[in-house]
Each structure stands twice: as C-alpha cells, then as structure tokens.
Protein backbone atom coordinates (compact mmCIF):
# COMPACT_ATOMS: atom_id res chain seq x y z
CA UNK A 1 -16.59 -20.78 -25.84
CA UNK A 2 -14.56 -22.10 -22.90
CA UNK A 3 -11.94 -19.36 -23.27
CA UNK A 4 -14.61 -16.66 -23.50
CA UNK A 5 -16.26 -17.96 -20.33
CA UNK A 6 -12.92 -17.99 -18.54
CA UNK A 7 -12.21 -14.45 -19.70
CA UNK A 8 -15.58 -13.31 -18.36
CA UNK A 9 -14.92 -15.02 -15.01
CA UNK A 10 -11.67 -13.05 -14.91
CA UNK A 11 -12.67 -9.55 -16.02
CA UNK A 12 -16.06 -9.33 -14.31
CA UNK A 13 -14.28 -8.61 -11.02
CA UNK A 14 -12.32 -5.61 -12.33
CA UNK A 15 -13.11 -2.12 -11.12
CA UNK A 16 -14.41 0.43 -13.59
CA UNK A 17 -11.32 2.59 -13.05
CA UNK A 18 -9.10 -0.34 -14.09
CA UNK A 19 -10.95 -0.65 -17.39
CA UNK A 20 -11.02 3.08 -18.11
CA UNK A 21 -7.45 3.37 -16.84
CA UNK A 22 -6.29 0.72 -19.28
CA UNK A 23 -7.82 2.62 -22.19
CA UNK A 24 -6.22 5.88 -21.06
CA UNK A 25 -2.87 4.23 -20.43
CA UNK A 26 -2.81 2.66 -23.87
CA UNK A 27 -3.96 5.59 -25.96
CA UNK A 28 -3.01 8.73 -24.02
CA UNK A 29 0.67 9.52 -24.55
CA UNK A 30 1.69 12.51 -22.44
CA UNK A 31 4.37 14.91 -23.57
CA UNK A 32 7.81 14.55 -22.03
CA UNK A 33 8.48 17.74 -20.06
CA UNK A 34 12.18 18.65 -20.15
CA UNK A 35 11.85 21.84 -18.10
CA UNK A 36 14.65 22.56 -15.62
CA UNK A 37 14.43 20.80 -12.28
CA UNK A 38 12.93 22.66 -9.32
CA UNK A 39 15.23 23.72 -6.51
CA UNK A 40 15.97 21.17 -3.81
CA UNK A 41 14.09 21.32 -0.52
CA UNK A 42 16.21 21.82 2.57
CA UNK A 43 15.90 19.01 5.07
CA UNK A 44 15.74 19.54 8.82
CA UNK A 45 16.03 15.95 10.03
CA UNK A 46 18.52 13.10 9.89
CA UNK A 47 18.27 10.54 7.08
CA UNK A 48 18.48 6.97 8.44
CA UNK A 49 20.29 4.31 6.40
CA UNK A 50 17.49 2.34 4.71
CA UNK A 51 17.12 -1.42 4.42
CA UNK A 52 19.63 -2.91 2.02
CA UNK A 53 19.44 -5.78 -0.42
CA UNK A 54 22.15 -8.11 -1.60
CA UNK A 55 24.69 -6.74 -4.08
CA UNK A 56 23.50 -6.97 -7.69
CA UNK A 57 26.33 -5.03 -9.40
CA UNK A 58 29.22 -7.49 -9.63
CA UNK A 59 31.44 -5.40 -11.92
CA UNK A 60 31.38 -1.92 -13.46
CA UNK A 61 28.79 -3.06 -16.01
CA UNK A 62 27.97 -6.60 -14.85
CA UNK A 63 24.70 -7.35 -13.05
CA UNK A 64 23.26 -10.38 -11.29
CA UNK A 65 19.49 -10.46 -10.97
CA UNK A 66 17.18 -13.42 -10.43
CA UNK A 67 20.24 -15.71 -10.20
CA UNK A 68 21.25 -14.81 -13.76
CA UNK A 69 24.29 -12.71 -14.62
CA UNK A 70 24.65 -10.52 -17.72
CA UNK A 71 26.81 -7.61 -18.85
CA UNK A 72 25.37 -4.27 -19.86
CA UNK A 73 27.98 -3.89 -22.58
CA UNK A 74 26.81 -7.08 -24.27
CA UNK A 75 23.06 -6.63 -23.86
CA UNK A 76 22.25 -2.96 -23.45
CA UNK A 77 19.34 -1.74 -21.37
CA UNK A 78 16.45 -3.60 -22.98
CA UNK A 79 17.60 -6.78 -24.70
CA UNK A 80 14.53 -8.99 -25.35
CA UNK A 81 16.79 -12.01 -24.95
CA UNK A 82 16.70 -11.25 -21.22
CA UNK A 83 13.51 -11.84 -19.21
CA UNK A 84 11.26 -8.82 -18.75
CA UNK A 85 11.62 -9.00 -14.96
CA UNK A 86 15.43 -9.07 -15.31
CA UNK A 87 15.30 -5.94 -17.45
CA UNK A 88 13.00 -4.27 -14.93
CA UNK A 89 15.55 -4.98 -12.20
CA UNK A 90 18.28 -3.45 -14.37
CA UNK A 91 16.35 -0.17 -14.40
CA UNK A 92 15.48 -0.13 -10.67
CA UNK A 93 19.02 0.84 -9.52
CA UNK A 94 18.60 -1.14 -6.28
CA UNK A 95 22.37 -1.54 -6.02
CA UNK A 96 22.76 2.16 -5.17
CA UNK A 97 21.59 1.25 -1.67
CA UNK A 98 22.64 -2.41 -1.47
CA UNK A 99 25.17 -4.09 0.81
CA UNK A 100 28.60 -2.50 0.44
CA UNK A 101 27.29 0.18 -1.93
CA UNK A 102 29.77 2.82 -0.72
CA UNK A 103 32.62 0.84 -2.24
CA UNK A 104 30.88 0.88 -5.63
CA UNK A 105 29.98 4.58 -5.72
CA UNK A 106 32.28 5.28 -8.69
CA UNK A 107 30.52 2.56 -10.68
CA UNK A 108 27.15 3.94 -9.58
CA UNK A 109 27.94 7.46 -10.79
CA UNK A 110 29.01 6.10 -14.16
CA UNK A 111 25.85 3.99 -14.46
CA UNK A 112 23.56 6.89 -13.62
CA UNK A 113 25.24 8.99 -16.31
CA UNK A 114 25.06 6.11 -18.77
CA UNK A 115 21.38 5.48 -18.06
CA UNK A 116 20.61 9.14 -18.75
CA UNK A 117 22.59 9.09 -22.00
CA UNK A 118 21.22 5.79 -23.31
CA UNK A 119 17.55 5.87 -22.25
CA UNK A 120 15.84 8.81 -23.95
CA UNK A 121 12.19 9.14 -22.96
CA UNK A 122 9.67 7.71 -23.22
CA UNK A 123 10.47 4.37 -24.87
CA UNK A 124 11.76 1.13 -23.39
CA UNK A 125 11.27 -0.81 -20.17
CA UNK A 126 13.06 1.88 -18.18
CA UNK A 127 10.27 4.38 -18.82
CA UNK A 128 7.44 2.11 -17.72
CA UNK A 129 5.85 3.52 -14.55
CA UNK A 130 6.93 0.81 -12.11
CA UNK A 131 10.67 0.98 -12.92
CA UNK A 132 10.43 4.78 -13.00
CA UNK A 133 8.89 4.72 -9.51
CA UNK A 134 11.56 2.48 -8.00
CA UNK A 135 14.38 4.36 -9.72
CA UNK A 136 13.18 7.77 -8.47
CA UNK A 137 13.19 6.44 -4.91
CA UNK A 138 16.58 4.75 -5.25
CA UNK A 139 18.24 7.82 -6.78
CA UNK A 140 16.85 10.06 -4.03
CA UNK A 141 17.91 7.61 -1.30
CA UNK A 142 21.41 7.63 -2.80
CA UNK A 143 21.58 11.44 -2.70
CA UNK A 144 20.22 11.57 0.85
CA UNK A 145 22.94 9.10 1.78
CA UNK A 146 25.47 11.92 1.31
CA UNK A 147 26.28 11.44 -2.38
CA UNK A 148 26.51 14.67 -4.34
CA UNK A 149 24.26 14.59 -7.43
CA UNK A 150 25.17 16.12 -10.76
CA UNK A 151 22.92 18.76 -12.29
CA UNK A 152 22.11 16.23 -15.01
CA UNK A 153 20.92 13.71 -12.44
CA UNK A 154 18.69 16.29 -10.73
CA UNK A 155 17.26 17.34 -14.09
CA UNK A 156 16.37 13.77 -15.04
CA UNK A 157 14.92 13.04 -11.63
CA UNK A 158 12.46 15.87 -12.22
CA UNK A 159 11.74 14.70 -15.78
CA UNK A 160 10.93 11.22 -14.45
CA UNK A 161 8.64 12.60 -11.73
CA UNK A 162 6.73 14.67 -14.29
CA UNK A 163 6.39 11.66 -16.56
CA UNK A 164 5.21 9.43 -13.71
CA UNK A 165 2.62 12.00 -12.65
CA UNK A 166 0.96 11.47 -16.05
CA UNK A 167 1.46 7.66 -16.23
CA UNK A 168 0.05 6.41 -12.94
CA UNK A 169 -0.97 2.76 -13.01
CA UNK A 170 -4.67 3.11 -12.30
CA UNK A 171 -5.25 0.15 -14.62
CA UNK A 172 -3.30 -2.11 -12.26
CA UNK A 173 -3.82 -0.56 -8.80
CA UNK A 174 -2.33 -2.58 -5.91
CA UNK A 175 1.39 -2.58 -5.27
CA UNK A 176 2.11 -0.79 -8.57
CA UNK A 177 -0.01 2.24 -7.68
CA UNK A 178 1.46 2.10 -4.16
CA UNK A 179 4.96 2.37 -5.67
CA UNK A 180 3.86 5.23 -7.95
CA UNK A 181 2.54 7.20 -4.98
CA UNK A 182 5.65 6.55 -2.92
CA UNK A 183 7.86 7.91 -5.71
CA UNK A 184 5.73 11.05 -6.03
CA UNK A 185 6.02 11.67 -2.29
CA UNK A 186 9.79 11.17 -2.42
CA UNK A 187 10.11 13.57 -5.37
CA UNK A 188 7.70 16.06 -3.80
CA UNK A 189 9.74 16.17 -0.60
CA UNK A 190 13.14 16.14 -2.29
CA UNK A 191 12.31 19.13 -4.51
CA UNK A 192 10.74 22.46 -3.52
CA UNK A 193 8.21 24.78 -5.14
CA UNK A 194 4.74 24.54 -6.64
CA UNK A 195 5.52 21.63 -8.95
CA UNK A 196 7.03 19.55 -6.15
CA UNK A 197 4.12 20.41 -3.86
CA UNK A 198 1.76 19.11 -6.55
CA UNK A 199 3.64 15.78 -6.72
CA UNK A 200 3.56 15.55 -2.95
CA UNK A 201 -0.16 16.29 -2.76
CA UNK A 202 -0.95 13.73 -5.46
CA UNK A 203 1.14 11.03 -3.79
CA UNK A 204 -0.46 11.75 -0.42
CA UNK A 205 -3.97 11.67 -1.87
CA UNK A 206 -3.31 8.25 -3.41
CA UNK A 207 -1.97 6.95 -0.10
CA UNK A 208 -4.95 8.37 1.79
CA UNK A 209 -7.16 6.27 -0.46
CA UNK A 210 -5.02 3.16 -0.80
CA UNK A 211 -3.57 2.63 2.69
CA UNK A 212 -6.87 1.74 4.41
CA UNK A 213 -7.69 -0.71 1.62
CA UNK A 214 -4.28 -2.23 0.97
CA UNK A 215 -3.25 -2.69 4.62
CA UNK A 216 -5.85 -4.86 6.33
CA UNK A 217 -6.95 -4.50 9.94
CA UNK A 218 -4.71 -7.42 10.97
CA UNK A 219 -1.68 -5.75 9.36
CA UNK A 220 -1.53 -7.86 6.19
CA UNK A 221 -1.03 -6.37 2.74
CA UNK A 222 -4.18 -7.20 0.81
CA UNK A 223 -2.54 -9.11 -2.05
CA UNK A 224 -1.68 -11.77 0.57
CA UNK A 225 1.87 -12.43 -0.58
CA UNK A 226 4.40 -12.39 2.29
CA UNK A 227 7.05 -11.16 -0.17
CA UNK A 228 4.99 -8.21 -1.40
CA UNK A 229 3.93 -7.54 2.18
CA UNK A 230 7.61 -7.13 3.13
CA UNK A 231 8.07 -4.71 0.23
CA UNK A 232 5.03 -2.68 1.36
CA UNK A 233 6.43 -2.58 4.90
CA UNK A 234 9.75 -1.31 3.54
CA UNK A 235 7.77 1.34 1.63
CA UNK A 236 6.17 2.65 4.81
CA UNK A 237 9.49 2.69 6.66
CA UNK A 238 11.04 4.61 3.75
CA UNK A 239 8.20 7.11 3.73
CA UNK A 240 8.45 7.68 7.47
CA UNK A 241 12.20 8.15 7.02
CA UNK A 242 12.00 10.68 4.19
CA UNK A 243 9.12 12.60 5.81
CA UNK A 244 11.09 13.01 9.03
CA UNK A 245 14.18 14.02 7.05
CA UNK A 246 12.25 16.95 5.58
CA UNK A 247 10.36 17.79 8.77
CA UNK A 248 6.89 16.70 7.67
CA UNK A 249 5.96 14.64 10.71
CA UNK A 250 2.29 14.48 9.78
CA UNK A 251 3.20 12.33 6.76
CA UNK A 252 5.39 10.12 8.92
CA UNK A 253 2.53 9.66 11.38
CA UNK A 254 0.33 8.18 8.63
CA UNK A 255 2.91 5.44 8.13
CA UNK A 256 4.04 4.95 11.72
CA UNK A 257 0.64 3.85 13.00
CA UNK A 258 0.59 0.84 10.67
CA UNK A 259 4.14 -0.40 11.07
CA UNK A 260 3.74 -2.48 14.29
CA UNK A 261 0.80 -4.55 12.99
CA UNK A 262 2.53 -5.02 9.62
CA UNK A 263 5.63 -6.34 11.39
CA UNK A 264 3.49 -8.65 13.53
CA UNK A 265 1.94 -10.06 10.35
CA UNK A 266 5.29 -10.46 8.59
CA UNK A 267 6.94 -12.23 11.51
CA UNK A 268 3.96 -14.56 11.96
CA UNK A 269 4.13 -15.40 8.24
CA UNK A 270 7.86 -16.16 8.40
CA UNK A 271 9.64 -19.35 9.37
CA UNK A 272 12.14 -19.58 12.23
CA UNK A 273 14.87 -19.33 9.55
CA UNK A 274 13.91 -15.63 9.27
CA UNK A 275 12.51 -15.79 5.74
CA UNK A 276 8.92 -15.61 4.49
CA UNK A 277 6.60 -18.56 3.95
CA UNK A 278 5.70 -19.32 0.33
CA UNK A 279 2.07 -18.42 -0.21
CA UNK A 280 1.02 -16.81 -3.48
CA UNK A 281 3.95 -15.15 -5.31
CA UNK A 282 6.70 -15.29 -2.70
CA UNK A 283 10.42 -15.91 -2.87
CA UNK A 284 13.55 -15.10 -0.90
CA UNK A 285 15.87 -12.33 -2.07
CA UNK A 286 13.42 -9.84 -3.58
CA UNK A 287 12.40 -7.90 -0.47
CA UNK A 288 14.94 -7.07 2.24
CA UNK A 289 15.13 -9.93 4.71
CA UNK A 290 13.49 -9.73 8.12
CA UNK A 291 16.76 -9.06 9.94
CA UNK A 292 17.44 -6.02 7.78
CA UNK A 293 13.87 -4.72 8.06
CA UNK A 294 14.02 -5.08 11.85
CA UNK A 295 17.35 -3.23 11.93
CA UNK A 296 15.86 -0.43 9.84
CA UNK A 297 12.77 -0.19 12.04
CA UNK A 298 14.91 -0.12 15.18
CA UNK A 299 17.03 2.70 13.75
CA UNK A 300 13.81 4.62 13.06
CA UNK A 301 12.76 4.17 16.68
CA UNK A 302 10.26 1.32 16.43
CA UNK A 303 10.07 -1.39 19.10
CA UNK A 304 9.01 -4.64 17.42
CA UNK A 305 7.87 -7.67 19.41
CA UNK A 306 8.65 -11.23 18.23
CA UNK A 307 5.66 -13.47 17.40
CA UNK A 308 4.12 -15.18 20.40
CA UNK A 309 4.10 -18.96 20.68
CA UNK A 310 0.76 -20.72 20.49
CA UNK A 311 -1.93 -19.48 18.12
CA UNK A 312 -1.84 -16.45 15.83
CA UNK A 313 -4.93 -16.06 13.65
CA UNK A 314 -4.97 -13.22 11.15
CA UNK A 315 -8.71 -13.08 10.66
CA UNK A 316 -8.93 -10.43 7.93
CA UNK A 317 -6.16 -11.86 5.75
CA UNK A 318 -7.00 -15.48 6.54
CA UNK A 319 -3.75 -17.10 7.70
CA UNK A 320 -3.04 -19.01 10.90
CA UNK A 321 0.20 -19.78 12.71
CA UNK A 322 0.37 -22.66 15.18
CA UNK A 323 3.55 -22.85 17.26
CA UNK A 324 4.19 -25.58 19.81
CA UNK A 325 7.67 -26.43 21.05
CA UNK A 326 10.02 -26.20 18.08
CA UNK A 327 7.26 -26.88 15.51
CA UNK A 328 5.68 -24.03 13.54
CA UNK A 329 2.74 -24.55 11.18
CA UNK A 330 1.58 -21.75 8.86
CA UNK A 331 -1.78 -22.51 7.25
CA UNK A 332 -3.63 -20.83 4.38
CA UNK A 333 -7.31 -20.32 5.19
CA UNK A 334 -7.45 -17.22 3.01
CA UNK A 335 -9.09 -15.93 -0.10
CA UNK A 336 -6.64 -15.73 -2.98
CA UNK A 337 -6.49 -11.93 -2.73
CA UNK A 338 -8.57 -8.90 -3.74
CA UNK A 339 -11.28 -9.83 -6.24
CA UNK A 340 -10.14 -7.14 -8.67
CA UNK A 341 -6.41 -7.82 -8.25
CA UNK A 342 -5.48 -11.53 -8.02
CA UNK A 343 -2.40 -11.25 -10.25
CA UNK A 344 0.01 -12.64 -7.64
CA UNK A 345 -2.36 -15.38 -6.47
CA UNK A 346 -1.64 -19.10 -6.55
CA UNK A 347 -4.24 -21.87 -6.36
CA UNK A 348 -2.99 -22.69 -2.85
CA UNK A 349 -6.11 -22.58 -0.66
CA UNK A 350 -5.81 -24.86 2.43
CA UNK A 351 -2.10 -25.39 1.80
CA UNK A 352 0.42 -25.18 4.63
CA UNK A 353 4.08 -25.17 5.57
CA UNK A 354 5.76 -26.52 8.71
CA UNK A 355 9.18 -25.98 10.26
CA UNK A 356 10.79 -28.36 12.77
CA UNK A 357 13.74 -27.35 14.89
CA UNK A 358 14.10 -24.06 13.04
CA UNK A 359 14.21 -25.63 9.56
CA UNK A 360 11.51 -25.95 6.93
CA UNK A 361 9.99 -29.42 6.56
CA UNK A 362 6.80 -29.42 4.46
CA UNK A 363 6.65 -26.48 2.06
CA UNK A 364 4.89 -24.97 -0.90
CA UNK A 365 7.19 -25.11 -3.89
CA UNK A 366 7.71 -21.35 -4.28
CA UNK A 367 8.08 -18.93 -7.17
CA UNK A 368 11.07 -18.68 -9.50
CA UNK A 369 9.66 -17.18 -12.68
CA UNK A 370 7.06 -14.73 -13.99
CA UNK A 371 5.79 -14.51 -17.55
CA UNK A 372 3.23 -16.75 -19.25
CA UNK A 373 5.18 -19.96 -19.83
CA UNK A 374 4.33 -23.48 -18.66
CA UNK A 375 6.61 -23.33 -15.61
CA UNK A 376 4.82 -20.21 -14.39
CA UNK A 377 1.52 -22.06 -14.83
CA UNK A 378 2.81 -25.10 -12.95
CA UNK A 379 4.14 -23.08 -10.02
CA UNK A 380 0.80 -21.32 -9.59
CA UNK A 381 -1.11 -24.60 -9.76
CA UNK A 382 -2.54 -26.47 -6.78
CA UNK A 383 -0.29 -29.53 -7.19
CA UNK A 384 2.78 -27.35 -6.53
CA UNK A 385 1.47 -26.73 -3.00
CA UNK A 386 1.00 -28.85 0.09
CA UNK A 387 -2.74 -29.30 -0.24
CA UNK A 388 -5.34 -31.49 -1.97
CA UNK A 389 -6.03 -31.64 -5.72
CA UNK A 390 -9.36 -32.92 -7.01
CA UNK A 391 -9.66 -34.46 -10.48
CA UNK A 392 -6.31 -32.95 -11.50
CA UNK A 393 -7.76 -29.42 -11.44
CA UNK A 394 -6.61 -26.26 -9.72
CA UNK A 395 -8.66 -25.04 -6.79
CA UNK A 396 -8.68 -21.57 -8.35
CA UNK A 397 -8.61 -21.04 -12.11
CA UNK A 398 -5.13 -19.55 -12.49
CA UNK A 399 -4.14 -18.88 -16.08
CA UNK A 400 -1.77 -16.81 -18.18
CA UNK A 401 0.88 -15.16 -16.01
CA UNK A 402 -1.26 -13.09 -13.66
CA UNK A 403 -4.89 -14.01 -14.33
CA UNK A 404 -7.49 -15.86 -12.28
CA UNK A 405 -10.97 -16.86 -13.43
CA UNK A 406 -12.97 -18.94 -10.97
CA UNK A 407 -11.76 -18.40 -7.36
CA UNK A 408 -11.88 -20.68 -4.32
CA UNK A 409 -13.66 -19.07 -1.38
CA UNK A 410 -12.88 -20.28 2.15
CA UNK A 411 -15.56 -20.74 4.80
CA UNK A 412 -16.17 -22.49 8.15
CA UNK A 413 -12.79 -21.24 9.34
CA UNK A 414 -11.81 -21.68 12.98
CA UNK A 415 -8.53 -21.58 14.89
CA UNK A 416 -8.37 -22.63 18.55
CA UNK A 417 -6.60 -24.74 21.13
CA UNK A 418 -7.47 -27.39 23.70
CA UNK A 419 -5.55 -28.96 26.57
CA UNK A 420 -2.97 -30.66 24.36
CA UNK A 421 -3.29 -29.35 20.80
CA UNK A 422 -3.47 -26.31 18.54
CA UNK A 423 -6.13 -26.67 15.87
CA UNK A 424 -7.12 -24.93 12.64
CA UNK A 425 -9.75 -25.94 10.15
CA UNK A 426 -11.56 -24.57 7.14
CA UNK A 427 -13.24 -25.43 3.86
CA UNK A 428 -13.36 -24.04 0.33
CA UNK A 429 -15.66 -24.25 -2.68
CA UNK A 430 -13.02 -24.15 -5.41
CA UNK A 431 -14.15 -27.52 -6.78
CA UNK A 432 -17.90 -26.94 -6.40
CA UNK A 433 -18.26 -26.43 -10.17
CA UNK A 434 -17.27 -30.09 -10.70
CA UNK A 435 -19.92 -32.83 -10.99
CA UNK A 436 -21.34 -33.63 -7.56
CA UNK A 437 -20.42 -30.13 -6.26
CA UNK A 438 -17.42 -31.26 -4.17
CA UNK A 439 -16.30 -29.22 -1.15
CA UNK A 440 -12.84 -29.68 0.38
CA UNK A 441 -12.46 -29.47 4.16
CA UNK A 442 -9.12 -29.65 5.97
CA UNK A 443 -8.18 -29.77 9.64
CA UNK A 444 -4.73 -29.42 11.21
CA UNK A 445 -4.03 -30.57 14.75
CA UNK A 446 -0.57 -29.80 16.17
CA UNK A 447 0.41 -31.54 19.39
CA UNK A 448 3.68 -32.49 21.08
CA UNK A 449 5.79 -34.37 18.51
CA UNK A 450 2.99 -34.78 16.01
CA UNK A 451 0.97 -33.01 13.31
CA UNK A 452 -2.29 -34.61 12.21
CA UNK A 453 -4.02 -33.43 9.04
CA UNK A 454 -7.46 -34.58 7.89
CA UNK A 455 -9.03 -33.96 4.49
CA UNK A 456 -12.71 -34.53 3.83
CA UNK A 457 -14.24 -34.05 0.40
CA UNK A 458 -18.01 -33.73 0.51
CA UNK A 459 -20.33 -34.11 -2.45
CA UNK A 460 -21.22 -37.06 -4.63
CA UNK A 461 -19.89 -39.02 -7.59
CA UNK A 462 -16.53 -40.71 -8.17
CA UNK A 463 -13.49 -38.43 -8.09
CA UNK A 464 -9.69 -38.57 -8.05
CA UNK A 465 -8.16 -37.19 -4.84
CA UNK A 466 -4.45 -36.37 -4.58
CA UNK A 467 -2.93 -34.76 -1.50
CA UNK A 468 0.60 -33.37 -1.89
CA UNK A 469 3.15 -32.80 0.87
CA UNK A 470 6.25 -31.16 -0.62
CA UNK A 471 9.43 -31.80 1.35
CA UNK A 472 11.99 -29.10 1.98
CA UNK A 473 15.39 -29.30 0.36
CA UNK A 474 17.70 -31.98 1.78
CA UNK A 475 15.12 -34.20 3.49
CA UNK A 476 15.28 -37.87 2.46
CA UNK A 477 12.11 -39.93 2.07
CA UNK A 478 11.68 -43.70 1.67
CA UNK A 479 8.22 -45.27 1.30
CA UNK A 480 7.41 -48.61 2.91
CA UNK A 481 6.34 -51.41 0.60
CA UNK A 482 2.81 -51.35 2.06
CA UNK A 483 2.28 -47.85 0.58
CA UNK A 484 1.09 -46.33 3.85
CA UNK A 485 4.22 -45.07 5.66
CA UNK A 486 7.21 -42.93 4.64
CA UNK A 487 10.41 -42.81 6.67
CA UNK A 488 11.96 -39.33 6.70
CA UNK A 489 15.58 -38.57 7.57
CA UNK A 490 18.35 -35.98 7.19
CA UNK A 491 16.31 -33.71 9.44
CA UNK A 492 17.68 -30.86 11.53
CA UNK A 493 19.26 -32.10 14.76
CA UNK A 494 19.57 -35.69 13.54
CA UNK A 495 15.99 -36.52 14.48
CA UNK A 496 13.82 -39.05 12.66
CA UNK A 497 10.26 -38.66 11.43
CA UNK A 498 7.55 -40.78 9.88
CA UNK A 499 4.63 -39.85 7.66
CA UNK A 500 1.63 -42.15 7.59
CA UNK A 501 -1.72 -41.96 5.83
CA UNK A 502 -5.08 -43.70 5.94
CA UNK A 503 -7.50 -43.91 3.05
CA UNK A 504 -5.11 -43.64 0.11
CA UNK A 505 -1.99 -44.92 -1.60
CA UNK A 506 1.22 -43.21 -0.46
CA UNK A 507 4.03 -42.51 -2.93
CA UNK A 508 7.29 -40.57 -2.86
CA UNK A 509 7.63 -38.61 -6.10
CA UNK A 510 10.14 -36.12 -7.56
CA UNK A 511 9.43 -32.47 -6.86
CA UNK A 512 11.24 -29.14 -6.91
CA UNK A 513 11.60 -26.17 -4.60
CA UNK A 514 12.02 -22.62 -5.87
CA UNK A 515 13.30 -20.51 -3.00
CA UNK A 516 14.45 -17.64 -5.23
CA UNK A 517 13.72 -16.30 -8.68
CA UNK A 518 15.82 -18.17 -11.21
CA UNK A 519 16.59 -20.99 -8.78
CA UNK A 520 15.47 -24.63 -8.69
CA UNK A 521 16.35 -27.33 -6.17
CA UNK A 522 15.37 -30.94 -6.83
CA UNK A 523 13.38 -32.30 -3.90
CA UNK A 524 10.83 -34.98 -3.06
CA UNK A 525 7.13 -34.87 -2.33
CA UNK A 526 4.73 -37.30 -0.74
CA UNK A 527 1.52 -37.91 -2.68
CA UNK A 528 -1.50 -39.64 -1.18
CA UNK A 529 -4.08 -40.62 -3.79
CA UNK A 530 -7.48 -42.27 -3.93
CA UNK A 531 -10.15 -42.76 -6.61
CA UNK A 532 -13.37 -42.93 -4.63
CA UNK A 533 -17.02 -42.01 -4.37
CA UNK A 534 -17.76 -38.92 -2.33
CA UNK A 535 -18.01 -38.12 0.49
CA UNK A 536 -14.56 -39.45 1.32
CA UNK A 537 -11.89 -38.78 3.93
CA UNK A 538 -8.10 -38.99 3.94
CA UNK A 539 -6.01 -38.58 7.07
CA UNK A 540 -2.28 -38.14 7.60
CA UNK A 541 0.13 -37.96 10.49
CA UNK A 542 3.63 -36.55 10.69
CA UNK A 543 5.39 -37.73 13.85
CA UNK A 544 8.92 -36.77 14.85
CA UNK A 545 11.37 -37.69 17.56
CA UNK A 546 12.69 -35.31 20.17
CA UNK A 547 16.13 -33.85 19.55
C-alpha cells in the first residue's frame, strides 16, 4: 500500500499530454524514411564558433566520458556493460566541436562514417530522441564550421530529422523537448524545401510554447538546476547563431531577448571559481563552463554584466545570493522544480553553499551518477546537502532515479539587508506529514567575517534533528572535546575559521564531494544533532579571519 500511495503522489502531478504521450511513444513505431536528403539552404550570415567542451575523443576510437574511458573497438556503440549515460554521450558527437577539434577532424570523419554503417535505424541508444537531437545539432555545427560533408552524412542527417519529427518527447517535456525542438530548427535551417520548412515550423511552434514556461521571469530555467540552465543558455546562443547564419533574424530575436537575464541568473548561481553551485542535478564538466559561454556570447555581440555584490534574489526561481566582501552565500529557498517534471530534483530545500576568498567552503555534495542505484538515491537525499534532516527522512520524497512523490513547498521567504548584514530566511513543509506536523525554518545572516545560521523546527512531539554542513575538498576539520566547536584550516589564503553551534552535539564525520560525473572526493562534514521535543531551535556560526 505504501508503494501505491507513493506512486500516486508522484503521477498525480503529470500533465495529460505526458500520459498520452507515453502511450503513443511506447506503442506507435513510425516508419524510417530513407528518402534522399533535401538540398542545402544557402546561408547569408557568418557562423560564429560555438561554445566548446573538453576533449572526449582521446584516440581514433577511444572515448572518455563521465571520467571513465573505453574503446569503441572493444565495446561497440551500445554495450550494456557501460552506463546508459555513457552510451548516450558516445552518440552525441560532442567532440566534433570540442577543444582542439580541428586537429582530430580525420578521426571525426571516420567516426561519422562508422556510426552510419554500424547504427541502422531505429534500434539502440543512438536512435533515442535525445541523442538524435544532440547529434543532429553537433553534425550541423561541424559542417557550418567549414567541414565538407559527404553525401552519406547529409542523407543520414535528413533521415534522423525525419525520425525525430515523429518521436518527439512529449511524454517527458522539459529539457528533452527543448533539445528536440532545437534540433528540428537546426535541420530546418540547414536544409531547404517544403520538408525542411515543416521541420523549422514544428521546432519554432514548440519553442513558442515552451520558452515562456521553461525560462522564468527572473531568467532561470524552470527545472532549477544550474547545470541544465547553462545547457539551455547554450541552446539559445546556438539558435541565435544558426538563425543569423541563415538570415532569419526573427528567430534570433526570440532567443536574444532572453539571453541577458539567463546570464544574470547563471552568474548569480555560480561561485567565484566560475563554476555552478550544486543544487538539484548539477555537476561540473557537462555544460560548457561560464568562461566559454561568456566568450561565445561576446562573439555573438552580447554585453554581459557580472553579478552585483550585495543581495540578488531570484523571486520566481527561489534562490538568493548574498555577497559581502570575499564571502558569497547561495541559498535554496525554491520549490524543487515544476510539479509535472521534478526528475532532476534533489531533496535540498533550505540548503546552501558558501565560498570564502574565491574558494568553496560549505557545499552540497553534488551529482556523479544517474540511474536507480543506491548511490543515486543517497546523492538526491537531504543528508547529502547542507541543510537539516528530520527523523532521518528526506524533505522531499525522492525515489527511483528521477521520481519525486511528496514535495517540500517553501513559504515565508524574505531576502533583505540592514546596516551590517545580508539576510535571507524561509520555511518549508516537507516534514509536515510527520507526527506533530513539523515545519522547518532557516535564517542566514551574513556579516563581516561571519555567517550565522539559525534553524527552528516548529510542531510538537519528540524528533531527531540533524543539520549537515558539508565541507569543500581539502578543508581540515577538528572538533573540540566539548562537542560545540570545530576548528577549520587549510583554507584559501592561509586564514583560519571556527564553526560553533548551540543546541546540539557537534561531530565531524566522513563525507564525499562529487564535482563531476564519475568522480568522488573524500571530504568531511559537520553534523549537529539533537533529540528533542518541538518546537526546538539550533543555531550555528561560521567565523573566519581576514586574509
């Protein structure tokens, strides 16, 4: 009965089109259309070099994805011994436009020919709509970058576009449908004629519907993952680029108007190290980094302003940035994401990260794996984030690989400043189903040389409270024997810091940080625990020396 109730709490939020789309996607198998490719459209503008990623092709047939290396000759294109996400990456062809790609163009030509020969449609991971979408875009980018395509490549580009047109991911929506539409626009602009115009019109109609919903008024991508936000921003830059290349400025204008606010959001949700904060599914090395995205935007003619010091409150998406001196706090006061699409959500409500002197200090532990295994479950759980856990439960009911049942909802959110401090506070009801209907409230107060955090749990009954503060890689922590103070060292600039708490027992425990997919770094965390009757309050202070 418990599993059925959880399933209902999960599926009741889905849109009707997701349910009907899933039925169609499963049972409707469109015919593969092998008709000759349309003629190419003649461009009238200048293609700008797009954002690049790190090299993933390390030899003629050797790939490194997700910090795992494997050879195509030994595994083929769809070896189940390799993780599904790894195999997806194999079919994306991101390396065609990666760092130093020109020097690997001979390898790239051979791989394109090999993919065509060894991946007959429509079976295998390579013919799933998301890899098809990314591959269409990457192949077209490669050609626009002054590589001469073979007739075979052009033929199979058209075959893939036709297939995608009939396999759109209406059952998923979100970033998958966004990628489908982008690929159709790329194919519709790259080719000419009635068929290409149909792809273009379909892609544009999807964007006309999805852009206002997926890009919030404050510039955030609605799945509330800084990593996927960066990918969506790259998508809009790519679309502006390709539209200008083929002289369709009205398409470019649709994208251009949203780019400045999306950059403002991304930069506010990034640390001074130039990489994204870890809220929901986020990791370094999947999207292009901020430096590369800024270079790309500059080359396209955008003027992007750096984030302002002080307070940045993204009201619609629910995040706050507090910046004072060389301290930056990024706080999660947000819903977990769209009700009908929480697949990339973590149970991280009222978590936060802080950087000191340009380096991360307290962090969320990140994302290194997808799938449905126990490590995926742990990384999505509340205890893997710098926030409070009640009775050992998650604040939102994350389960399987991309499912959420019961969801924490934030309220009483405010972000403001006074004469000496920057302040953010909020509450959530993610534990209100527990006996005594507990409500968690948290307040951050950033002042010169100090961050104060206060947790209050309202309600009644006796409960276990555990607040976690995950330390960034390389920071040393030693707890005092009185279990109330932790000395912190090995901090940027040689400074010292102390963490103190009132109301609970302070421990230093093993933890781990997952900055990239496939990567784990052993770290430490501070845990403050209490077993008390509600209402109850815990308070903490991080104080640091000047440089």
